[in-house]
């Protein structure tokens, strides 16, 4: 299990966007969650 709080705190301190992958897929999310590609694309384009 990964604790996301340090990443969230760091992103807030840097005034950065954050993509939160709330999925039961864990590290297999790229092959398990079809919504990932468009979300990452939007994140990169910001």
N, C-alpha and C. Protein backbone atom coordinates (compact mmCIF):
# COMPACT_ATOMS: atom_id res chain seq x y z
N UNK A 1 0.84 -1.16 0.00
CA UNK A 1 0.00 0.00 0.00
C UNK A 1 0.90 1.24 0.00
N UNK A 2 0.56 2.20 -0.83
CA UNK A 2 1.30 3.45 -0.92
C UNK A 2 0.50 4.55 -0.24
N UNK A 3 1.17 5.31 0.60
CA UNK A 3 0.53 6.44 1.27
C UNK A 3 0.65 7.66 0.34
N UNK A 4 -0.45 8.19 -0.18
CA UNK A 4 -0.38 9.30 -1.12
C UNK A 4 -0.18 10.67 -0.46
N UNK A 5 -0.28 10.75 0.84
CA UNK A 5 -0.24 12.06 1.50
C UNK A 5 1.04 12.85 1.25
N UNK A 6 2.25 12.25 1.30
CA UNK A 6 3.45 13.05 1.01
C UNK A 6 3.43 13.64 -0.41
N UNK A 7 2.93 12.90 -1.37
CA UNK A 7 2.84 13.41 -2.74
C UNK A 7 1.84 14.54 -2.84
N UNK A 8 0.72 14.40 -2.16
CA UNK A 8 -0.30 15.45 -2.17
C UNK A 8 0.24 16.73 -1.51
N UNK A 9 0.95 16.57 -0.40
CA UNK A 9 1.53 17.72 0.30
C UNK A 9 2.57 18.41 -0.58
N UNK A 10 3.42 17.62 -1.23
CA UNK A 10 4.45 18.19 -2.09
C UNK A 10 3.82 18.92 -3.28
N UNK A 11 2.83 18.33 -3.92
CA UNK A 11 2.16 18.97 -5.06
C UNK A 11 1.53 20.29 -4.63
N UNK A 12 0.92 20.31 -3.46
CA UNK A 12 0.30 21.54 -2.98
C UNK A 12 1.38 22.60 -2.71
N UNK A 13 2.49 22.20 -2.10
CA UNK A 13 3.57 23.14 -1.80
C UNK A 13 4.19 23.72 -3.07
N UNK A 14 4.20 22.93 -4.14
CA UNK A 14 4.78 23.37 -5.42
C UNK A 14 3.73 24.02 -6.32
N UNK A 15 2.50 24.12 -5.83
CA UNK A 15 1.39 24.64 -6.63
C UNK A 15 1.27 23.87 -7.95
N UNK A 16 1.41 22.57 -7.85
CA UNK A 16 1.39 21.69 -9.02
C UNK A 16 0.08 20.92 -9.12
N UNK A 17 -0.25 20.52 -10.32
CA UNK A 17 -1.42 19.65 -10.52
C UNK A 17 -1.06 18.25 -10.05
N UNK A 18 -2.08 17.51 -9.72
CA UNK A 18 -1.87 16.15 -9.24
C UNK A 18 -2.90 15.23 -9.87
N UNK A 19 -2.46 14.11 -10.39
CA UNK A 19 -3.36 13.09 -10.92
C UNK A 19 -3.45 12.00 -9.87
N UNK A 20 -4.64 11.74 -9.37
CA UNK A 20 -4.86 10.70 -8.37
C UNK A 20 -5.52 9.52 -9.06
N UNK A 21 -4.87 8.39 -9.00
CA UNK A 21 -5.39 7.18 -9.63
C UNK A 21 -6.06 6.34 -8.54
N UNK A 22 -7.33 6.52 -8.38
CA UNK A 22 -8.10 5.81 -7.37
C UNK A 22 -8.68 4.55 -8.00
N UNK A 23 -7.88 3.49 -8.00
CA UNK A 23 -8.27 2.27 -8.69
C UNK A 23 -7.77 1.05 -7.92
N UNK A 24 -8.50 -0.03 -7.94
CA UNK A 24 -8.03 -1.25 -7.28
C UNK A 24 -6.95 -1.96 -8.09
N UNK A 25 -6.58 -1.42 -9.24
CA UNK A 25 -5.61 -2.07 -10.12
C UNK A 25 -4.17 -1.96 -9.63
N UNK A 26 -3.89 -1.01 -8.75
CA UNK A 26 -2.52 -0.84 -8.26
C UNK A 26 -1.56 -0.51 -9.38
N UNK A 27 -0.40 -1.15 -9.39
CA UNK A 27 0.62 -0.88 -10.40
C UNK A 27 0.24 -1.40 -11.78
N UNK A 28 -0.84 -2.13 -11.88
CA UNK A 28 -1.30 -2.64 -13.18
C UNK A 28 -2.30 -1.68 -13.82
N UNK A 29 -2.49 -0.49 -13.25
CA UNK A 29 -3.49 0.45 -13.74
C UNK A 29 -3.35 0.78 -15.23
N UNK A 30 -2.15 0.88 -15.81
CA UNK A 30 -2.08 1.19 -17.25
C UNK A 30 -2.79 0.16 -18.14
N UNK A 31 -2.80 -1.09 -17.73
CA UNK A 31 -3.45 -2.11 -18.55
C UNK A 31 -4.85 -2.46 -18.05
N UNK A 32 -5.26 -1.85 -16.96
CA UNK A 32 -6.51 -2.22 -16.31
C UNK A 32 -7.57 -1.12 -16.38
N UNK A 33 -7.14 0.15 -16.49
CA UNK A 33 -8.07 1.27 -16.41
C UNK A 33 -8.05 2.06 -17.72
N UNK A 34 -9.09 1.91 -18.51
CA UNK A 34 -9.15 2.56 -19.83
C UNK A 34 -9.21 4.08 -19.74
N UNK A 35 -9.59 4.63 -18.60
CA UNK A 35 -9.67 6.09 -18.47
C UNK A 35 -8.32 6.73 -18.21
N UNK A 36 -7.29 5.93 -17.99
CA UNK A 36 -5.98 6.47 -17.64
C UNK A 36 -5.36 7.29 -18.77
N UNK A 37 -5.38 6.80 -20.00
CA UNK A 37 -4.74 7.49 -21.13
C UNK A 37 -5.22 8.92 -21.30
N UNK A 38 -6.52 9.15 -21.42
CA UNK A 38 -7.01 10.52 -21.56
C UNK A 38 -6.70 11.41 -20.36
N UNK A 39 -6.74 10.84 -19.17
CA UNK A 39 -6.44 11.62 -17.97
C UNK A 39 -4.98 12.06 -17.96
N UNK A 40 -4.07 11.17 -18.31
CA UNK A 40 -2.65 11.51 -18.36
C UNK A 40 -2.40 12.53 -19.47
N UNK A 41 -3.05 12.36 -20.61
CA UNK A 41 -2.89 13.30 -21.72
C UNK A 41 -3.30 14.72 -21.29
N UNK A 42 -4.45 14.85 -20.62
CA UNK A 42 -4.89 16.16 -20.13
C UNK A 42 -3.90 16.73 -19.12
N UNK A 43 -3.39 15.88 -18.26
CA UNK A 43 -2.42 16.31 -17.24
C UNK A 43 -1.16 16.85 -17.91
N UNK A 44 -0.64 16.17 -18.90
CA UNK A 44 0.58 16.59 -19.59
C UNK A 44 0.35 17.89 -20.36
N UNK A 45 -0.82 18.04 -20.93
CA UNK A 45 -1.12 19.23 -21.73
C UNK A 45 -1.34 20.49 -20.89
N UNK A 46 -1.52 20.34 -19.59
CA UNK A 46 -1.73 21.52 -18.73
C UNK A 46 -0.52 22.40 -18.68
